Amino acid sequence: MKDELNMKPTPTFDGGRIAYIKPTGDEEAHRLGLIPPGITLPPGVKLYVLHAMDGSVLGYTDAYDSAYGAAVQNELTPVSVH
């Protein structure tokens, strides 16, 4: 995930780079193109999507801690979005 994040320019805010972590269910994951048509997440399962300030998807995982760690590892300041 690190290489993907570093390849995309991330907007800065007050001198730092912000990334939003948003829990995402099955319907939104399909809308974002994260999972292919015909595949569904089990009930209650969420993906944690890391977004740049412009809303573009930087990456996703099945654990909040992994999304948070990926942001920090790539020198981004993680912010949770509900």
N, C-alpha and C. Protein backbone atom coordinates (compact mmCIF):
# COMPACT_ATOMS: atom_id res chain seq x y z
N MET A 1 0.82 -1.19 0.00
CA MET A 1 0.00 0.00 0.00
C MET A 1 0.87 1.26 0.00
N LYS A 2 2.05 1.20 0.59
CA LYS A 2 2.90 2.37 0.68
C LYS A 2 3.25 2.94 -0.68
N ASP A 3 3.64 2.11 -1.63
CA ASP A 3 4.01 2.61 -2.95
C ASP A 3 2.85 3.29 -3.64
N GLU A 4 1.64 2.73 -3.52
CA GLU A 4 0.48 3.35 -4.15
C GLU A 4 0.22 4.74 -3.58
N LEU A 5 0.33 4.88 -2.26
CA LEU A 5 0.05 6.16 -1.63
C LEU A 5 1.06 7.22 -2.03
N ASN A 6 2.33 6.84 -2.12
CA ASN A 6 3.36 7.81 -2.46
C ASN A 6 3.29 8.26 -3.91
N MET A 7 2.64 7.50 -4.77
CA MET A 7 2.55 7.85 -6.17
C MET A 7 1.50 8.93 -6.43
N LYS A 8 0.55 9.08 -5.52
CA LYS A 8 -0.52 10.05 -5.72
C LYS A 8 -0.23 11.31 -4.93
N PRO A 9 -0.27 12.49 -5.57
CA PRO A 9 -0.07 13.72 -4.82
C PRO A 9 -1.25 13.93 -3.86
N THR A 10 -0.95 14.27 -2.62
CA THR A 10 -1.99 14.48 -1.62
C THR A 10 -2.00 15.94 -1.23
N PRO A 11 -3.17 16.59 -1.26
CA PRO A 11 -3.24 17.99 -0.87
C PRO A 11 -2.76 18.19 0.57
N THR A 12 -2.23 19.37 0.85
CA THR A 12 -1.76 19.66 2.20
C THR A 12 -2.74 20.59 2.90
N PHE A 13 -2.73 20.52 4.21
CA PHE A 13 -3.56 21.39 5.03
C PHE A 13 -2.68 21.88 6.17
N ASP A 14 -2.47 23.18 6.24
CA ASP A 14 -1.67 23.76 7.31
C ASP A 14 -0.28 23.10 7.37
N GLY A 15 0.31 22.83 6.22
CA GLY A 15 1.64 22.27 6.16
C GLY A 15 1.69 20.75 6.27
N GLY A 16 0.57 20.09 6.56
CA GLY A 16 0.56 18.64 6.69
C GLY A 16 -0.35 18.01 5.66
N ARG A 17 -0.19 16.72 5.46
CA ARG A 17 -1.04 16.01 4.51
C ARG A 17 -2.10 15.25 5.30
N ILE A 18 -3.34 15.44 4.94
CA ILE A 18 -4.48 14.84 5.63
C ILE A 18 -5.01 13.67 4.81
N ALA A 19 -5.38 12.59 5.50
CA ALA A 19 -6.07 11.45 4.87
C ALA A 19 -7.26 11.11 5.76
N TYR A 20 -8.39 10.84 5.13
CA TYR A 20 -9.60 10.51 5.86
C TYR A 20 -9.82 9.00 5.85
N ILE A 21 -10.16 8.44 7.00
CA ILE A 21 -10.49 7.03 7.11
C ILE A 21 -11.99 6.94 7.29
N LYS A 22 -12.64 6.26 6.35
CA LYS A 22 -14.10 6.16 6.40
C LYS A 22 -14.53 4.69 6.37
N PRO A 23 -15.32 4.27 7.39
CA PRO A 23 -15.87 2.92 7.33
C PRO A 23 -16.90 2.85 6.20
N THR A 24 -16.83 1.80 5.42
CA THR A 24 -17.66 1.69 4.22
C THR A 24 -18.30 0.31 4.15
N GLY A 25 -19.59 0.29 3.89
CA GLY A 25 -20.30 -0.97 3.75
C GLY A 25 -20.31 -1.46 2.31
N ASP A 26 -21.03 -2.53 2.10
CA ASP A 26 -21.09 -3.21 0.80
C ASP A 26 -21.54 -2.29 -0.34
N GLU A 27 -22.62 -1.57 -0.13
CA GLU A 27 -23.19 -0.74 -1.21
C GLU A 27 -22.21 0.35 -1.66
N GLU A 28 -21.62 1.04 -0.70
CA GLU A 28 -20.69 2.10 -1.07
C GLU A 28 -19.39 1.53 -1.65
N ALA A 29 -18.95 0.38 -1.16
CA ALA A 29 -17.75 -0.25 -1.70
C ALA A 29 -17.95 -0.58 -3.18
N HIS A 30 -19.15 -1.03 -3.55
CA HIS A 30 -19.44 -1.28 -4.97
C HIS A 30 -19.46 0.03 -5.75
N ARG A 31 -20.07 1.06 -5.19
CA ARG A 31 -20.15 2.36 -5.87
C ARG A 31 -18.75 2.91 -6.15
N LEU A 32 -17.84 2.72 -5.19
CA LEU A 32 -16.47 3.21 -5.35
C LEU A 32 -15.62 2.30 -6.24
N GLY A 33 -16.15 1.13 -6.60
CA GLY A 33 -15.41 0.20 -7.44
C GLY A 33 -14.36 -0.59 -6.68
N LEU A 34 -14.52 -0.69 -5.36
CA LEU A 34 -13.54 -1.40 -4.54
C LEU A 34 -13.72 -2.91 -4.61
N ILE A 35 -14.95 -3.36 -4.79
CA ILE A 35 -15.20 -4.79 -4.94
C ILE A 35 -16.00 -5.00 -6.23
N PRO A 36 -15.72 -6.08 -6.92
CA PRO A 36 -16.36 -6.31 -8.22
C PRO A 36 -17.84 -6.66 -8.09
N PRO A 37 -18.60 -6.42 -9.16
CA PRO A 37 -20.01 -6.80 -9.17
C PRO A 37 -20.17 -8.29 -8.90
N GLY A 38 -21.22 -8.64 -8.20
CA GLY A 38 -21.49 -10.04 -7.90
C GLY A 38 -20.85 -10.52 -6.61
N ILE A 39 -19.93 -9.75 -6.07
CA ILE A 39 -19.29 -10.09 -4.79
C ILE A 39 -19.95 -9.22 -3.72
N THR A 40 -20.33 -9.83 -2.62
CA THR A 40 -20.92 -9.06 -1.53
C THR A 40 -20.13 -9.30 -0.25
N LEU A 41 -20.10 -8.29 0.58
CA LEU A 41 -19.48 -8.43 1.89
C LEU A 41 -20.46 -9.14 2.82
N PRO A 42 -19.98 -9.94 3.74
CA PRO A 42 -20.88 -10.55 4.71
C PRO A 42 -21.59 -9.47 5.53
N PRO A 43 -22.79 -9.77 6.03
CA PRO A 43 -23.52 -8.77 6.82
C PRO A 43 -22.67 -8.24 7.99
N GLY A 44 -22.69 -6.93 8.14
CA GLY A 44 -21.97 -6.30 9.23
C GLY A 44 -20.50 -6.03 8.98
N VAL A 45 -19.94 -6.56 7.89
CA VAL A 45 -18.52 -6.35 7.59
C VAL A 45 -18.35 -4.99 6.93
N LYS A 46 -17.32 -4.28 7.35
CA LYS A 46 -17.02 -2.98 6.77
C LYS A 46 -15.59 -2.98 6.24
N LEU A 47 -15.37 -2.17 5.24
CA LEU A 47 -14.03 -1.86 4.76
C LEU A 47 -13.68 -0.47 5.30
N TYR A 48 -12.43 -0.24 5.52
CA TYR A 48 -11.97 1.07 5.97
C TYR A 48 -11.18 1.68 4.82
N VAL A 49 -11.75 2.74 4.25
CA VAL A 49 -11.21 3.34 3.04
C VAL A 49 -10.43 4.59 3.41
N LEU A 50 -9.21 4.69 2.89
CA LEU A 50 -8.36 5.84 3.10
C LEU A 50 -8.55 6.77 1.90
N HIS A 51 -9.03 7.98 2.19
CA HIS A 51 -9.31 8.97 1.14
C HIS A 51 -8.35 10.15 1.26
N ALA A 52 -7.96 10.71 0.12
CA ALA A 52 -7.23 11.98 0.08
C ALA A 52 -8.23 13.10 0.35
N MET A 53 -7.72 14.29 0.56
CA MET A 53 -8.60 15.43 0.83
C MET A 53 -9.57 15.70 -0.32
N ASP A 54 -9.19 15.34 -1.53
CA ASP A 54 -10.07 15.57 -2.68
C ASP A 54 -11.11 14.47 -2.85
N GLY A 55 -11.11 13.48 -1.95
CA GLY A 55 -12.10 12.40 -2.00
C GLY A 55 -11.64 11.17 -2.75
N SER A 56 -10.51 11.24 -3.42
CA SER A 56 -10.04 10.07 -4.17
C SER A 56 -9.60 8.97 -3.19
N VAL A 57 -9.76 7.74 -3.62
CA VAL A 57 -9.40 6.59 -2.79
C VAL A 57 -7.89 6.34 -2.88
N LEU A 58 -7.24 6.32 -1.73
CA LEU A 58 -5.82 6.01 -1.67
C LEU A 58 -5.58 4.53 -1.42
N GLY A 59 -6.50 3.90 -0.71
CA GLY A 59 -6.38 2.48 -0.40
C GLY A 59 -7.53 2.05 0.49
N TYR A 60 -7.61 0.76 0.77
CA TYR A 60 -8.64 0.24 1.66
C TYR A 60 -8.18 -1.05 2.30
N THR A 61 -8.79 -1.36 3.43
CA THR A 61 -8.44 -2.54 4.19
C THR A 61 -9.66 -2.97 5.01
N ASP A 62 -9.56 -4.12 5.66
CA ASP A 62 -10.68 -4.58 6.47
C ASP A 62 -10.52 -4.25 7.95
N ALA A 63 -9.48 -3.48 8.31
CA ALA A 63 -9.26 -3.12 9.70
C ALA A 63 -8.90 -1.64 9.83
N TYR A 64 -9.52 -0.97 10.77
CA TYR A 64 -9.24 0.45 11.00
C TYR A 64 -7.76 0.66 11.31
N ASP A 65 -7.21 -0.19 12.17
CA ASP A 65 -5.80 -0.03 12.56
C ASP A 65 -4.86 -0.10 11.36
N SER A 66 -5.18 -0.92 10.40
CA SER A 66 -4.36 -1.02 9.19
C SER A 66 -4.44 0.26 8.36
N ALA A 67 -5.63 0.81 8.24
CA ALA A 67 -5.80 2.07 7.49
C ALA A 67 -5.05 3.20 8.20
N TYR A 68 -5.18 3.24 9.51
CA TYR A 68 -4.49 4.27 10.30
C TYR A 68 -2.98 4.12 10.13
N GLY A 69 -2.49 2.90 10.26
CA GLY A 69 -1.06 2.65 10.12
C GLY A 69 -0.53 3.01 8.74
N ALA A 70 -1.30 2.71 7.70
CA ALA A 70 -0.89 3.04 6.34
C ALA A 70 -0.77 4.55 6.17
N ALA A 71 -1.71 5.29 6.75
CA ALA A 71 -1.66 6.75 6.66
C ALA A 71 -0.41 7.28 7.35
N VAL A 72 -0.17 6.85 8.57
CA VAL A 72 0.99 7.33 9.33
C VAL A 72 2.29 6.92 8.65
N GLN A 73 2.36 5.69 8.15
CA GLN A 73 3.56 5.20 7.48
C GLN A 73 3.91 6.05 6.27
N ASN A 74 2.89 6.63 5.66
CA ASN A 74 3.10 7.44 4.46
C ASN A 74 3.06 8.94 4.76
N GLU A 75 3.32 9.25 6.03
CA GLU A 75 3.43 10.65 6.47
C GLU A 75 2.16 11.45 6.23
N LEU A 76 1.03 10.79 6.39
CA LEU A 76 -0.27 11.45 6.30
C LEU A 76 -0.84 11.57 7.71
N THR A 77 -1.64 12.57 7.95
CA THR A 77 -2.32 12.72 9.23
C THR A 77 -3.71 12.12 9.08
N PRO A 78 -3.97 10.98 9.75
CA PRO A 78 -5.28 10.32 9.60
C PRO A 78 -6.36 11.02 10.41
N VAL A 79 -7.53 11.14 9.78
CA VAL A 79 -8.71 11.71 10.43
C VAL A 79 -9.86 10.77 10.16
N SER A 80 -10.61 10.43 11.22
CA SER A 80 -11.75 9.52 11.05
C SER A 80 -12.98 10.27 10.57
N VAL A 81 -13.70 9.66 9.64
CA VAL A 81 -14.96 10.21 9.13
C VAL A 81 -16.03 9.18 9.42
N HIS A 82 -17.15 9.63 9.95
CA HIS A 82 -18.23 8.68 10.30
C HIS A 82 -19.36 8.79 9.33
